[in-house]
Protein backbone atom coordinates (compact mmCIF):
# COMPACT_ATOMS: atom_id res chain seq x y z
CA GLU A 1 -9.12 4.47 -17.63
CA VAL A 2 -7.19 2.58 -14.97
CA GLN A 3 -8.76 2.66 -11.54
CA LEU A 4 -7.30 1.78 -8.18
CA VAL A 5 -9.79 1.62 -5.34
CA GLU A 6 -8.70 1.36 -1.74
CA SER A 7 -10.92 0.03 1.02
CA GLY A 8 -10.65 -1.26 4.55
CA GLY A 9 -9.69 1.86 6.43
CA GLY A 10 -11.35 2.89 9.66
CA LEU A 11 -10.93 3.61 13.33
CA VAL A 12 -9.07 1.12 15.47
CA GLN A 13 -7.50 1.14 18.90
CA ALA A 14 -3.77 0.93 19.35
CA GLY A 15 -2.63 -2.66 19.11
CA GLY A 16 -5.45 -3.55 16.77
CA SER A 17 -5.44 -4.68 13.14
CA LEU A 18 -6.85 -3.64 9.81
CA ARG A 19 -6.60 -5.05 6.32
CA LEU A 20 -6.53 -2.65 3.43
CA SER A 21 -7.43 -3.70 -0.08
CA CYS A 22 -6.43 -2.15 -3.40
CA ALA A 23 -8.59 -3.35 -6.26
CA SER A 24 -7.34 -2.47 -9.71
CA SER A 25 -8.62 -2.44 -13.25
CA LEU A 26 -5.15 -2.95 -14.68
CA HIS A 27 -5.32 -5.13 -17.79
CA THR A 28 -1.87 -6.67 -17.37
CA PHE A 29 -1.69 -6.81 -13.63
CA THR A 30 1.51 -8.80 -13.42
CA ASP A 31 3.41 -6.14 -15.37
CA TYR A 32 3.06 -3.82 -12.40
CA THR A 33 4.50 -3.10 -9.02
CA ILE A 34 1.86 -2.05 -6.54
CA GLY A 35 2.68 0.05 -3.54
CA TRP A 36 1.07 1.42 -0.41
CA PHE A 37 1.86 4.96 0.65
CA ARG A 38 0.51 7.09 3.46
CA GLN A 39 0.26 10.73 4.32
CA ALA A 40 -0.45 12.05 7.77
CA PRO A 41 -1.68 15.62 8.35
CA GLY A 42 1.18 18.07 8.01
CA ARG A 43 3.61 15.43 6.89
CA GLU A 44 5.03 14.33 3.57
CA ARG A 45 3.84 11.25 1.78
CA GLU A 46 5.67 8.14 2.95
CA ALA A 47 6.24 4.85 1.14
CA ILE A 48 5.10 1.93 3.27
CA SER A 49 5.39 -1.21 1.21
CA CYS A 50 5.57 -2.38 -2.37
CA ILE A 51 5.12 -5.70 -4.12
CA THR A 52 6.23 -6.80 -7.56
CA THR A 53 3.20 -8.77 -8.71
CA SER A 54 5.10 -10.96 -11.19
CA ASP A 55 7.37 -12.58 -8.61
CA LEU A 56 5.83 -11.32 -5.35
CA THR A 57 9.02 -9.64 -4.21
CA THR A 58 8.23 -7.26 -1.38
CA TYR A 59 9.68 -4.20 0.30
CA TYR A 60 8.80 -2.59 3.62
CA THR A 61 9.89 0.62 5.19
CA ASN A 62 11.58 0.11 8.54
CA SER A 63 8.75 1.57 10.61
CA VAL A 64 6.31 -1.16 9.56
CA LYS A 65 8.57 -4.20 9.25
CA GLY A 66 7.25 -7.08 11.30
CA ARG A 67 3.84 -5.42 11.68
CA PHE A 68 2.54 -4.99 8.13
CA THR A 69 2.31 -7.61 5.40
CA ILE A 70 1.68 -6.92 1.72
CA THR A 71 0.22 -9.63 -0.48
CA SER A 72 -1.13 -9.86 -3.99
CA ASP A 73 -4.00 -11.91 -5.34
CA ASN A 74 -3.15 -11.81 -9.02
CA ALA A 75 -6.34 -13.66 -9.96
CA LYS A 76 -8.35 -10.81 -8.44
CA ASN A 77 -6.05 -7.95 -9.50
CA THR A 78 -5.99 -6.95 -5.85
CA VAL A 79 -3.23 -6.14 -3.40
CA TYR A 80 -3.73 -6.25 0.35
CA LEU A 81 -1.97 -4.65 3.27
CA GLN A 82 -2.45 -6.48 6.55
CA MET A 83 -1.65 -4.10 9.38
CA ASN A 84 -1.14 -5.51 12.85
CA SER A 85 -0.02 -3.96 16.13
CA LEU A 86 -1.19 -0.58 14.94
CA LYS A 87 0.14 2.52 16.64
CA PRO A 88 -1.28 6.06 16.83
CA GLU A 89 1.57 7.19 14.57
CA ASP A 90 0.18 4.93 11.83
CA THR A 91 -2.77 7.32 11.52
CA ALA A 92 -2.86 8.64 7.96
CA VAL A 93 -4.59 8.45 4.62
CA TYR A 94 -3.34 5.34 2.89
CA TYR A 95 -3.01 5.28 -0.87
CA CYS A 96 -2.20 2.51 -3.27
CA ALA A 97 -0.36 3.14 -6.49
CA ALA A 98 0.73 1.16 -9.52
CA GLY A 99 3.65 1.48 -11.85
CA VAL A 100 5.14 -0.71 -14.54
CA THR A 101 7.84 -2.88 -13.05
CA ILE A 102 11.08 -1.35 -14.27
CA ALA A 103 13.08 -1.76 -11.08
CA THR A 104 13.02 -3.62 -7.79
CA ALA A 105 10.13 -3.21 -5.40
CA ARG A 106 12.43 -1.31 -3.06
CA ASN A 107 13.65 1.07 -5.74
CA ILE A 108 10.14 1.78 -6.97
CA CYS A 109 8.88 2.37 -3.44
CA GLU A 110 11.74 4.68 -2.55
CA SER A 111 11.47 6.63 -5.80
CA PRO A 112 7.81 6.43 -6.84
CA VAL A 113 8.06 8.74 -9.83
CA GLY A 114 7.13 5.78 -11.99
CA MET A 115 3.86 5.20 -10.18
CA ASP A 116 1.46 6.11 -12.97
CA HIS A 117 -1.83 5.32 -11.24
CA TRP A 118 -3.04 6.32 -7.80
CA GLY A 119 -6.13 5.61 -5.78
CA LYS A 120 -8.05 8.21 -3.83
CA GLY A 121 -7.02 6.87 -0.46
CA THR A 122 -8.59 5.38 2.64
CA LEU A 123 -8.31 6.89 6.10
CA VAL A 124 -6.81 4.89 8.94
CA THR A 125 -7.16 6.31 12.42
CA VAL A 126 -5.49 4.62 15.38
CA SER A 127 -6.60 5.82 18.78
CA SER A 128 -4.40 5.61 21.84
């Protein structure tokens, strides 16, 4: 059974930073696109960023461009999300997900129906 395990969430003040990790048990890691999604209370799930692990192509939603950075350590089967300049509106449960790379990172992020595996999430709380 494939597992995705997120870690690194917590409470941080506005303007601060956190680094989220998504460790996977995927056997052929570089066949996958890994994405970060978030869901705030009362709101729909939102795609944040995705990375195609084979060529490290990335995608970011506009609200996090310039503040968040997604990277992949293919040797460790782990994807990271470095979050800087955090804002209270970034408060949410952050999930990572994996899907076989069948489209661009942007397309997969924007239409994540192909994300076959999901983690249980990690809570990020940004205080004002």
